[in-house]
Amino acid sequence: MNLLSPLPDTAIAERVETLVVRPGLRIERIVSCGQASPPGFWYDQAEAEWVTVLAGSARLRFADETEARVLAPGDWVDIAAHRRHRVEWTDLTVPTVGLAVFYR
């Protein structure tokens, strides 16, 4: 399998594909093209999340930080459980492909 090909159509919505599920672990491929978190929405997850951008770019905002983080290919972040965050934007011109590892 290849994380960058084929990519699903994201014209209408972001696509999330679960790749691996094990006790205390879930790995997902997330493909977006211009999608973002809904206005006023914050993720507040019971599990921690390690995420990296493989292609494209995105801007990630944490509720406890004053500046948003722009993530480009190769960038990664480890998000603690219950740390409120949101995706402010994803690249409009090329698909943004992320790999997210959720763990407890």
PDB file of N, CA and C in Angstrom:
ATOM      1  N   MET A   1       0.843  -1.182   0.000  1.00  0.00           N
ATOM      2  CA  MET A   1       0.000   0.000   0.000  1.00  0.00           C
ATOM      3  C   MET A   1       0.886   1.241   0.000  1.00  0.00           C
ATOM      4  N   ASN A   2       0.323   2.340  -0.494  1.00  0.00           N
ATOM      5  CA  ASN A   2       1.042   3.593  -0.573  1.00  0.00           C
ATOM      6  C   ASN A   2       0.177   4.683   0.048  1.00  0.00           C
ATOM      7  N   LEU A   3       0.746   5.503   0.923  1.00  0.00           N
ATOM      8  CA  LEU A   3      -0.013   6.550   1.598  1.00  0.00           C
ATOM      9  C   LEU A   3      -0.363   7.727   0.689  1.00  0.00           C
ATOM     10  N   LEU A   4       0.351   7.865  -0.435  1.00  0.00           N
ATOM     11  CA  LEU A   4       0.137   9.018  -1.311  1.00  0.00           C
ATOM     12  C   LEU A   4      -0.571   8.685  -2.614  1.00  0.00           C
ATOM     13  N   SER A   5      -0.867   7.414  -2.835  1.00  0.00           N
ATOM     14  CA  SER A   5      -1.513   7.030  -4.082  1.00  0.00           C
ATOM     15  C   SER A   5      -2.233   5.692  -3.918  1.00  0.00           C
ATOM     16  N   PRO A   6      -3.441   5.591  -4.401  1.00  0.00           N
ATOM     17  CA  PRO A   6      -4.278   6.660  -4.953  1.00  0.00           C
ATOM     18  C   PRO A   6      -4.888   7.495  -3.828  1.00  0.00           C
ATOM     19  N   LEU A   7      -5.174   8.749  -4.119  1.00  0.00           N
ATOM     20  CA  LEU A   7      -5.817   9.628  -3.154  1.00  0.00           C
ATOM     21  C   LEU A   7      -7.310   9.707  -3.459  1.00  0.00           C
ATOM     22  N   PRO A   8      -8.141   9.725  -2.420  1.00  0.00           N
ATOM     23  CA  PRO A   8      -9.590   9.822  -2.644  1.00  0.00           C
ATOM     24  C   PRO A   8      -9.980  11.228  -3.075  1.00  0.00           C
ATOM     25  N   ASP A   9     -11.166  11.349  -3.649  1.00  0.00           N
ATOM     26  CA  ASP A   9     -11.713  12.641  -4.050  1.00  0.00           C
ATOM     27  C   ASP A   9     -12.119  13.413  -2.792  1.00  0.00           C
ATOM     28  N   THR A  10     -11.584  14.609  -2.634  1.00  0.00           N
ATOM     29  CA  THR A  10     -11.907  15.432  -1.468  1.00  0.00           C
ATOM     30  C   THR A  10     -12.665  16.701  -1.860  1.00  0.00           C
ATOM     31  N   ALA A  11     -13.276  16.689  -3.036  1.00  0.00           N
ATOM     32  CA  ALA A  11     -13.979  17.882  -3.521  1.00  0.00           C
ATOM     33  C   ALA A  11     -15.120  18.282  -2.581  1.00  0.00           C
ATOM     34  N   ILE A  12     -15.773  17.321  -1.983  1.00  0.00           N
ATOM     35  CA  ILE A  12     -16.922  17.616  -1.125  1.00  0.00           C
ATOM     36  C   ILE A  12     -16.559  17.564   0.351  1.00  0.00           C
ATOM     37  N   ALA A  13     -15.706  16.618   0.727  1.00  0.00           N
ATOM     38  CA  ALA A  13     -15.408  16.446   2.148  1.00  0.00           C
ATOM     39  C   ALA A  13     -14.022  15.839   2.348  1.00  0.00           C
ATOM     40  N   GLU A  14     -13.476  16.116   3.515  1.00  0.00           N
ATOM     41  CA  GLU A  14     -12.231  15.468   3.945  1.00  0.00           C
ATOM     42  C   GLU A  14     -12.476  13.964   4.027  1.00  0.00           C
ATOM     43  N   ARG A  15     -11.449  13.184   3.745  1.00  0.00           N
ATOM     44  CA  ARG A  15     -11.565  11.722   3.807  1.00  0.00           C
ATOM     45  C   ARG A  15     -10.617  11.175   4.859  1.00  0.00           C
ATOM     46  N   VAL A  16     -11.140  10.338   5.740  1.00  0.00           N
ATOM     47  CA  VAL A  16     -10.349   9.696   6.782  1.00  0.00           C
ATOM     48  C   VAL A  16     -10.440   8.192   6.574  1.00  0.00           C
ATOM     49  N   GLU A  17      -9.289   7.557   6.467  1.00  0.00           N
ATOM     50  CA  GLU A  17      -9.228   6.113   6.265  1.00  0.00           C
ATOM     51  C   GLU A  17      -8.459   5.493   7.423  1.00  0.00           C
ATOM     52  N   THR A  18      -9.093   4.578   8.144  1.00  0.00           N
ATOM     53  CA  THR A  18      -8.428   3.874   9.228  1.00  0.00           C
ATOM     54  C   THR A  18      -7.562   2.779   8.631  1.00  0.00           C
ATOM     55  N   LEU A  19      -6.271   2.816   8.948  1.00  0.00           N
ATOM     56  CA  LEU A  19      -5.315   1.864   8.387  1.00  0.00           C
ATOM     57  C   LEU A  19      -5.020   0.711   9.335  1.00  0.00           C
ATOM     58  N   VAL A  20      -4.904   1.003  10.622  1.00  0.00           N
ATOM     59  CA  VAL A  20      -4.557  -0.007  11.619  1.00  0.00           C
ATOM     60  C   VAL A  20      -5.318   0.289  12.903  1.00  0.00           C
ATOM     61  N   VAL A  21      -5.879  -0.744  13.510  1.00  0.00           N
ATOM     62  CA  VAL A  21      -6.506  -0.625  14.824  1.00  0.00           C
ATOM     63  C   VAL A  21      -5.994  -1.766  15.688  1.00  0.00           C
ATOM     64  N   ARG A  22      -5.483  -1.410  16.847  1.00  0.00           N
ATOM     65  CA  ARG A  22      -5.021  -2.364  17.848  1.00  0.00           C
ATOM     66  C   ARG A  22      -5.434  -1.826  19.208  1.00  0.00           C
ATOM     67  N   PRO A  23      -5.440  -2.645  20.236  1.00  0.00           N
ATOM     68  CA  PRO A  23      -5.779  -2.117  21.560  1.00  0.00           C
ATOM     69  C   PRO A  23      -4.893  -0.918  21.914  1.00  0.00           C
ATOM     70  N   GLY A  24      -5.509   0.212  22.191  1.00  0.00           N
ATOM     71  CA  GLY A  24      -4.795   1.427  22.562  1.00  0.00           C
ATOM     72  C   GLY A  24      -4.120   2.158  21.417  1.00  0.00           C
ATOM     73  N   LEU A  25      -4.385   1.740  20.161  1.00  0.00           N
ATOM     74  CA  LEU A  25      -3.705   2.337  19.006  1.00  0.00           C
ATOM     75  C   LEU A  25      -4.631   2.368  17.794  1.00  0.00           C
ATOM     76  N   ARG A  26      -4.633   3.516  17.083  1.00  0.00           N
ATOM     77  CA  ARG A  26      -5.356   3.636  15.816  1.00  0.00           C
ATOM     78  C   ARG A  26      -4.523   4.517  14.902  1.00  0.00           C
ATOM     79  N   ILE A  27      -4.332   4.105  13.653  1.00  0.00           N
ATOM     80  CA  ILE A  27      -3.586   4.888  12.677  1.00  0.00           C
ATOM     81  C   ILE A  27      -4.524   5.225  11.526  1.00  0.00           C
ATOM     82  N   GLU A  28      -4.572   6.516  11.166  1.00  0.00           N
ATOM     83  CA  GLU A  28      -5.456   6.977  10.105  1.00  0.00           C
ATOM     84  C   GLU A  28      -4.690   7.796   9.074  1.00  0.00           C
ATOM     85  N   ARG A  29      -5.135   7.671   7.827  1.00  0.00           N
ATOM     86  CA  ARG A  29      -4.690   8.590   6.777  1.00  0.00           C
ATOM     87  C   ARG A  29      -5.814   9.601   6.603  1.00  0.00           C
ATOM     88  N   ILE A  30      -5.452  10.886   6.630  1.00  0.00           N
ATOM     89  CA  ILE A  30      -6.428  11.968   6.495  1.00  0.00           C
ATOM     90  C   ILE A  30      -6.069  12.763   5.245  1.00  0.00           C
ATOM     91  N   VAL A  31      -7.024  12.896   4.326  1.00  0.00           N
ATOM     92  CA  VAL A  31      -6.792  13.628   3.082  1.00  0.00           C
ATOM     93  C   VAL A  31      -7.790  14.783   3.014  1.00  0.00           C
ATOM     94  N   SER A  32      -7.255  15.995   2.878  1.00  0.00           N
ATOM     95  CA  SER A  32      -8.069  17.211   2.832  1.00  0.00           C
ATOM     96  C   SER A  32      -7.619  18.069   1.659  1.00  0.00           C
ATOM     97  N   CYS A  33      -8.534  18.880   1.165  1.00  0.00           N
ATOM     98  CA  CYS A  33      -8.173  19.869   0.142  1.00  0.00           C
ATOM     99  C   CYS A  33      -9.061  21.088   0.380  1.00  0.00           C
ATOM    100  N   GLY A  34      -8.580  21.960   1.273  1.00  0.00           N
ATOM    101  CA  GLY A  34      -9.336  23.156   1.606  1.00  0.00           C
ATOM    102  C   GLY A  34     -10.264  23.010   2.796  1.00  0.00           C
ATOM    103  N   GLN A  35     -10.403  21.804   3.322  1.00  0.00           N
ATOM    104  CA  GLN A  35     -11.286  21.620   4.468  1.00  0.00           C
ATOM    105  C   GLN A  35     -10.634  22.144   5.748  1.00  0.00           C
ATOM    106  N   ALA A  36     -11.477  22.468   6.733  1.00  0.00           N
ATOM    107  CA  ALA A  36     -11.029  22.969   8.030  1.00  0.00           C
ATOM    108  C   ALA A  36     -12.060  22.564   9.075  1.00  0.00           C
ATOM    109  N   SER A  37     -11.707  22.756  10.339  1.00  0.00           N
ATOM    110  CA  SER A  37     -12.674  22.517  11.411  1.00  0.00           C
ATOM    111  C   SER A  37     -13.812  23.526  11.288  1.00  0.00           C
ATOM    112  N   PRO A  38     -15.029  23.123  11.631  1.00  0.00           N
ATOM    113  CA  PRO A  38     -16.144  24.078  11.581  1.00  0.00           C
ATOM    114  C   PRO A  38     -15.899  25.263  12.525  1.00  0.00           C
ATOM    115  N   PRO A  39     -16.449  26.427  12.217  1.00  0.00           N
ATOM    116  CA  PRO A  39     -16.278  27.591  13.091  1.00  0.00           C
ATOM    117  C   PRO A  39     -16.685  27.268  14.522  1.00  0.00           C
ATOM    118  N   GLY A  40     -15.819  27.634  15.468  1.00  0.00           N
ATOM    119  CA  GLY A  40     -16.111  27.421  16.887  1.00  0.00           C
ATOM    120  C   GLY A  40     -15.873  26.001  17.391  1.00  0.00           C
ATOM    121  N   PHE A  41     -15.537  25.067  16.506  1.00  0.00           N
ATOM    122  CA  PHE A  41     -15.332  23.671  16.914  1.00  0.00           C
ATOM    123  C   PHE A  41     -13.897  23.442  17.359  1.00  0.00           C
ATOM    124  N   TRP A  42     -13.720  22.728  18.455  1.00  0.00           N
ATOM    125  CA  TRP A  42     -12.406  22.330  18.959  1.00  0.00           C
ATOM    126  C   TRP A  42     -12.407  20.834  19.213  1.00  0.00           C
ATOM    127  N   TYR A  43     -11.377  20.148  18.733  1.00  0.00           N
ATOM    128  CA  TYR A  43     -11.188  18.747  19.093  1.00  0.00           C
ATOM    129  C   TYR A  43     -10.774  18.695  20.559  1.00  0.00           C
ATOM    130  N   ASP A  44     -11.330  17.743  21.298  1.00  0.00           N
ATOM    131  CA  ASP A  44     -10.982  17.503  22.698  1.00  0.00           C
ATOM    132  C   ASP A  44     -11.072  15.995  22.888  1.00  0.00           C
ATOM    133  N   GLN A  45     -10.010  15.307  22.521  1.00  0.00           N
ATOM    134  CA  GLN A  45     -10.011  13.853  22.402  1.00  0.00           C
ATOM    135  C   GLN A  45      -9.512  13.163  23.673  1.00  0.00           C
ATOM    136  N   ALA A  46     -10.073  12.014  23.955  1.00  0.00           N
ATOM    137  CA  ALA A  46      -9.673  11.224  25.120  1.00  0.00           C
ATOM    138  C   ALA A  46      -8.332  10.531  24.913  1.00  0.00           C
ATOM    139  N   GLU A  47      -7.885  10.460  23.671  1.00  0.00           N
ATOM    140  CA  GLU A  47      -6.608   9.809  23.374  1.00  0.00           C
ATOM    141  C   GLU A  47      -5.606  10.834  22.865  1.00  0.00           C
ATOM    142  N   ALA A  48      -4.319  10.548  23.012  1.00  0.00           N
ATOM    143  CA  ALA A  48      -3.272  11.400  22.464  1.00  0.00           C
ATOM    144  C   ALA A  48      -3.192  11.151  20.956  1.00  0.00           C
ATOM    145  N   GLU A  49      -2.627  12.118  20.246  1.00  0.00           N
ATOM    146  CA  GLU A  49      -2.522  12.007  18.783  1.00  0.00           C
ATOM    147  C   GLU A  49      -1.163  12.526  18.325  1.00  0.00           C
ATOM    148  N   TRP A  50      -0.442  11.691  17.606  1.00  0.00           N
ATOM    149  CA  TRP A  50       0.778  12.111  16.927  1.00  0.00           C
ATOM    150  C   TRP A  50       0.404  12.221  15.459  1.00  0.00           C
ATOM    151  N   VAL A  51       0.679  13.375  14.847  1.00  0.00           N
ATOM    152  CA  VAL A  51       0.276  13.570  13.454  1.00  0.00           C
ATOM    153  C   VAL A  51       1.428  14.193  12.670  1.00  0.00           C
ATOM    154  N   THR A  52       1.581  13.746  11.423  1.00  0.00           N
ATOM    155  CA  THR A  52       2.577  14.316  10.521  1.00  0.00           C
ATOM    156  C   THR A  52       1.917  14.635   9.190  1.00  0.00           C
ATOM    157  N   VAL A  53       2.440  15.648   8.513  1.00  0.00           N
ATOM    158  CA  VAL A  53       1.976  16.010   7.176  1.00  0.00           C
ATOM    159  C   VAL A  53       2.922  15.364   6.168  1.00  0.00           C
ATOM    160  N   LEU A  54       2.349  14.598   5.256  1.00  0.00           N
ATOM    161  CA  LEU A  54       3.129  13.927   4.213  1.00  0.00           C
ATOM    162  C   LEU A  54       3.151  14.719   2.916  1.00  0.00           C
ATOM    163  N   ALA A  55       2.078  15.468   2.657  1.00  0.00           N
ATOM    164  CA  ALA A  55       1.964  16.282   1.438  1.00  0.00           C
ATOM    165  C   ALA A  55       1.013  17.437   1.735  1.00  0.00           C
ATOM    166  N   GLY A  56       1.156  18.534   0.985  1.00  0.00           N
ATOM    167  CA  GLY A  56       0.298  19.691   1.204  1.00  0.00           C
ATOM    168  C   GLY A  56       0.726  20.462   2.437  1.00  0.00           C
ATOM    169  N   SER A  57      -0.234  21.160   3.046  1.00  0.00           N
ATOM    170  CA  SER A  57       0.047  21.922   4.259  1.00  0.00           C
ATOM    171  C   SER A  57      -1.253  22.202   4.996  1.00  0.00           C
ATOM    172  N   ALA A  58      -1.098  22.550   6.267  1.00  0.00           N
ATOM    173  CA  ALA A  58      -2.262  22.836   7.108  1.00  0.00           C
ATOM    174  C   ALA A  58      -1.852  23.801   8.210  1.00  0.00           C
ATOM    175  N   ARG A  59      -2.827  24.510   8.737  1.00  0.00           N
ATOM    176  CA  ARG A  59      -2.566  25.360   9.900  1.00  0.00           C
ATOM    177  C   ARG A  59      -3.353  24.802  11.075  1.00  0.00           C
ATOM    178  N   LEU A  60      -2.628  24.502  12.150  1.00  0.00           N
ATOM    179  CA  LEU A  60      -3.190  23.897  13.354  1.00  0.00           C
ATOM    180  C   LEU A  60      -3.161  24.926  14.471  1.00  0.00           C
ATOM    181  N   ARG A  61      -4.275  25.087  15.150  1.00  0.00           N
ATOM    182  CA  ARG A  61      -4.372  26.035  16.266  1.00  0.00           C
ATOM    183  C   ARG A  61      -4.664  25.259  17.542  1.00  0.00           C
ATOM    184  N   PHE A  62      -3.930  25.602  18.598  1.00  0.00           N
ATOM    185  CA  PHE A  62      -4.186  25.060  19.928  1.00  0.00           C
ATOM    186  C   PHE A  62      -4.845  26.144  20.766  1.00  0.00           C
ATOM    187  N   ALA A  63      -5.813  25.764  21.594  1.00  0.00           N
ATOM    188  CA  ALA A  63      -6.522  26.725  22.431  1.00  0.00           C
ATOM    189  C   ALA A  63      -5.592  27.399  23.428  1.00  0.00           C
ATOM    190  N   ASP A  64      -4.502  26.724  23.808  1.00  0.00           N
ATOM    191  CA  ASP A  64      -3.597  27.261  24.824  1.00  0.00           C
ATOM    192  C   ASP A  64      -2.362  27.958  24.234  1.00  0.00           C
ATOM    193  N   GLU A  65      -2.354  28.233  22.926  1.00  0.00           N
ATOM    194  CA  GLU A  65      -1.239  28.940  22.292  1.00  0.00           C
ATOM    195  C   GLU A  65      -1.764  30.172  21.567  1.00  0.00           C
ATOM    196  N   THR A  66      -0.967  31.227  21.535  1.00  0.00           N
ATOM    197  CA  THR A  66      -1.401  32.462  20.880  1.00  0.00           C
ATOM    198  C   THR A  66      -1.225  32.421  19.369  1.00  0.00           C
ATOM    199  N   GLU A  67      -0.250  31.658  18.887  1.00  0.00           N
ATOM    200  CA  GLU A  67       0.019  31.578  17.454  1.00  0.00           C
ATOM    201  C   GLU A  67      -0.327  30.190  16.916  1.00  0.00           C
ATOM    202  N   ALA A  68      -0.919  30.165  15.720  1.00  0.00           N
ATOM    203  CA  ALA A  68      -1.195  28.893  15.050  1.00  0.00           C
ATOM    204  C   ALA A  68       0.105  28.344  14.480  1.00  0.00           C
ATOM    205  N   ARG A  69       0.136  27.055  14.217  1.00  0.00           N
ATOM    206  CA  ARG A  69       1.305  26.389  13.634  1.00  0.00           C
ATOM    207  C   ARG A  69       0.984  25.983  12.204  1.00  0.00           C
ATOM    208  N   VAL A  70       1.850  26.366  11.273  1.00  0.00           N
ATOM    209  CA  VAL A  70       1.715  25.909   9.896  1.00  0.00           C
ATOM    210  C   VAL A  70       2.557  24.649   9.761  1.00  0.00           C
ATOM    211  N   LEU A  71       1.928  23.581   9.297  1.00  0.00           N
ATOM    212  CA  LEU A  71       2.599  22.303   9.123  1.00  0.00           C
ATOM    213  C   LEU A  71       2.778  22.032   7.635  1.00  0.00           C
ATOM    214  N   ALA A  72       4.003  21.710   7.250  1.00  0.00           N
ATOM    215  CA  ALA A  72       4.361  21.389   5.870  1.00  0.00           C
ATOM    216  C   ALA A  72       4.874  19.948   5.834  1.00  0.00           C
ATOM    217  N   PRO A  73       5.122  19.384   4.651  1.00  0.00           N
ATOM    218  CA  PRO A  73       5.596  18.007   4.579  1.00  0.00           C
ATOM    219  C   PRO A  73       6.816  17.761   5.474  1.00  0.00           C
ATOM    220  N   GLY A  74       6.698  16.712   6.270  1.00  0.00           N
ATOM    221  CA  GLY A  74       7.751  16.340   7.199  1.00  0.00           C
ATOM    222  C   GLY A  74       7.543  16.870   8.603  1.00  0.00           C
ATOM    223  N   ASP A  75       6.706  17.897   8.775  1.00  0.00           N
ATOM    224  CA  ASP A  75       6.436  18.431  10.106  1.00  0.00           C
ATOM    225  C   ASP A  75       5.516  17.481  10.862  1.00  0.00           C
ATOM    226  N   TRP A  76       5.706  17.425  12.163  1.00  0.00           N
ATOM    227  CA  TRP A  76       4.854  16.584  12.994  1.00  0.00           C
ATOM    228  C   TRP A  76       4.633  17.257  14.338  1.00  0.00           C
ATOM    229  N   VAL A  77       3.586  16.804  15.022  1.00  0.00           N
ATOM    230  CA  VAL A  77       3.255  17.328  16.345  1.00  0.00           C
ATOM    231  C   VAL A  77       2.633  16.194  17.156  1.00  0.00           C
ATOM    232  N   ASP A  78       2.924  16.201  18.443  1.00  0.00           N
ATOM    233  CA  ASP A  78       2.342  15.231  19.378  1.00  0.00           C
ATOM    234  C   ASP A  78       1.352  15.995  20.248  1.00  0.00           C
ATOM    235  N   ILE A  79       0.085  15.595  20.189  1.00  0.00           N
ATOM    236  CA  ILE A  79      -0.991  16.315  20.866  1.00  0.00           C
ATOM    237  C   ILE A  79      -1.454  15.484  22.058  1.00  0.00           C
ATOM    238  N   ALA A  80      -1.327  16.032  23.247  1.00  0.00           N
ATOM    239  CA  ALA A  80      -1.743  15.322  24.460  1.00  0.00           C
ATOM    240  C   ALA A  80      -3.263  15.129  24.465  1.00  0.00           C
ATOM    241  N   ALA A  81      -3.699  14.096  25.137  1.00  0.00           N
ATOM    242  CA  ALA A  81      -5.137  13.861  25.312  1.00  0.00           C
ATOM    243  C   ALA A  81      -5.778  15.099  25.935  1.00  0.00           C
ATOM    244  N   HIS A  82      -6.942  15.456  25.452  1.00  0.00           N
ATOM    245  CA  HIS A  82      -7.750  16.583  25.933  1.00  0.00           C
ATOM    246  C   HIS A  82      -7.107  17.951  25.700  1.00  0.00           C
ATOM    247  N   ARG A  83      -6.075  18.019  24.860  1.00  0.00           N
ATOM    248  CA  ARG A  83      -5.533  19.331  24.496  1.00  0.00           C
ATOM    249  C   ARG A  83      -6.359  19.851  23.320  1.00  0.00           C
ATOM    250  N   ARG A  84      -7.101  20.907  23.572  1.00  0.00           N
ATOM    251  CA  ARG A  84      -8.031  21.427  22.564  1.00  0.00           C
ATOM    252  C   ARG A  84      -7.266  21.999  21.380  1.00  0.00           C
ATOM    253  N   HIS A  85      -7.706  21.566  20.181  1.00  0.00           N
ATOM    254  CA  HIS A  85      -7.054  22.023  18.956  1.00  0.00           C
ATOM    255  C   HIS A  85      -8.054  22.001  17.812  1.00  0.00           C
ATOM    256  N   ARG A  86      -7.685  22.684  16.729  1.00  0.00           N
ATOM    257  CA  ARG A  86      -8.540  22.736  15.544  1.00  0.00           C
ATOM    258  C   ARG A  86      -7.674  22.937  14.312  1.00  0.00           C
ATOM    259  N   VAL A  87      -8.202  22.570  13.164  1.00  0.00           N
ATOM    260  CA  VAL A  87      -7.526  22.794  11.887  1.00  0.00           C
ATOM    261  C   VAL A  87      -8.132  24.064  11.295  1.00  0.00           C
ATOM    262  N   GLU A  88      -7.303  25.092  11.146  1.00  0.00           N
ATOM    263  CA  GLU A  88      -7.807  26.366  10.618  1.00  0.00           C
ATOM    264  C   GLU A  88      -7.915  26.366   9.104  1.00  0.00           C
ATOM    265  N   TRP A  89      -7.011  25.676   8.428  1.00  0.00           N
ATOM    266  CA  TRP A  89      -7.110  25.526   6.973  1.00  0.00           C
ATOM    267  C   TRP A  89      -6.204  24.405   6.504  1.00  0.00           C
ATOM    268  N   THR A  90      -6.536  23.893   5.331  1.00  0.00           N
ATOM    269  CA  THR A  90      -5.658  22.979   4.609  1.00  0.00           C
ATOM    270  C   THR A  90      -5.486  23.550   3.204  1.00  0.00           C
ATOM    271  N   ASP A  91      -4.409  23.181   2.571  1.00  0.00           N
ATOM    272  CA  ASP A  91      -4.051  23.703   1.250  1.00  0.00           C
ATOM    273  C   ASP A  91      -5.220  23.547   0.277  1.00  0.00           C
ATOM    274  N   LEU A  92      -5.506  24.602  -0.459  1.00  0.00           N
ATOM    275  CA  LEU A  92      -6.570  24.581  -1.472  1.00  0.00           C
ATOM    276  C   LEU A  92      -6.087  24.076  -2.824  1.00  0.00           C
ATOM    277  N   THR A  93      -4.775  24.099  -3.055  1.00  0.00           N
ATOM    278  CA  THR A  93      -4.254  23.814  -4.389  1.00  0.00           C
ATOM    279  C   THR A  93      -3.798  22.376  -4.583  1.00  0.00           C
ATOM    280  N   VAL A  94      -3.398  21.722  -3.506  1.00  0.00           N
ATOM    281  CA  VAL A  94      -2.974  20.311  -3.579  1.00  0.00           C
ATOM    282  C   VAL A  94      -3.552  19.578  -2.374  1.00  0.00           C
ATOM    283  N   PRO A  95      -3.809  18.291  -2.498  1.00  0.00           N
ATOM    284  CA  PRO A  95      -4.313  17.550  -1.347  1.00  0.00           C
ATOM    285  C   PRO A  95      -3.300  17.562  -0.194  1.00  0.00           C
ATOM    286  N   THR A  96      -3.816  17.769   0.996  1.00  0.00           N
ATOM    287  CA  THR A  96      -3.008  17.644   2.203  1.00  0.00           C
ATOM    288  C   THR A  96      -3.224  16.242   2.739  1.00  0.00           C
ATOM    289  N   VAL A  97      -2.136  15.503   2.863  1.00  0.00           N
ATOM    290  CA  VAL A  97      -2.197  14.125   3.354  1.00  0.00           C
ATOM    291  C   VAL A  97      -1.510  14.089   4.707  1.00  0.00           C
ATOM    292  N   GLY A  98      -2.250  13.649   5.698  1.00  0.00           N
ATOM    293  CA  GLY A  98      -1.702  13.522   7.042  1.00  0.00           C
ATOM    294  C   GLY A  98      -1.781  12.084   7.513  1.00  0.00           C
ATOM    295  N   LEU A  99      -0.851  11.718   8.358  1.00  0.00           N
ATOM    296  CA  LEU A  99      -0.860  10.419   9.005  1.00  0.00           C
ATOM    297  C   LEU A  99      -1.015  10.672  10.493  1.00  0.00           C
ATOM    298  N   ALA A 100      -2.093  10.172  11.069  1.00  0.00           N
ATOM    299  CA  ALA A 100      -2.400  10.400  12.484  1.00  0.00           C
ATOM    300  C   ALA A 100      -2.344   9.080  13.243  1.00  0.00           C
ATOM    301  N   VAL A 101      -1.615   9.109  14.347  1.00  0.00           N
ATOM    302  CA  VAL A 101      -1.492   7.939  15.221  1.00  0.00           C
ATOM    303  C   VAL A 101      -2.132   8.319  16.546  1.00  0.00           C
ATOM    304  N   PHE A 102      -3.241   7.668  16.872  1.00  0.00           N
ATOM    305  CA  PHE A 102      -3.952   7.898  18.124  1.00  0.00           C
ATOM    306  C   PHE A 102      -3.535   6.804  19.104  1.00  0.00           C
ATOM    307  N   TYR A 103      -3.213   7.197  20.334  1.00  0.00           N
ATOM    308  CA  TYR A 103      -2.738   6.207  21.296  1.00  0.00           C
ATOM    309  C   TYR A 103      -3.171   6.585  22.713  1.00  0.00           C
ATOM    310  N   ARG A 104      -3.159   5.577  23.564  1.00  0.00           N
ATOM    311  CA  ARG A 104      -3.487   5.775  24.981  1.00  0.00           C
ATOM    312  C   ARG A 104      -2.291   5.469  25.828  1.00  0.00           C
TER     313      ARG A 104
END
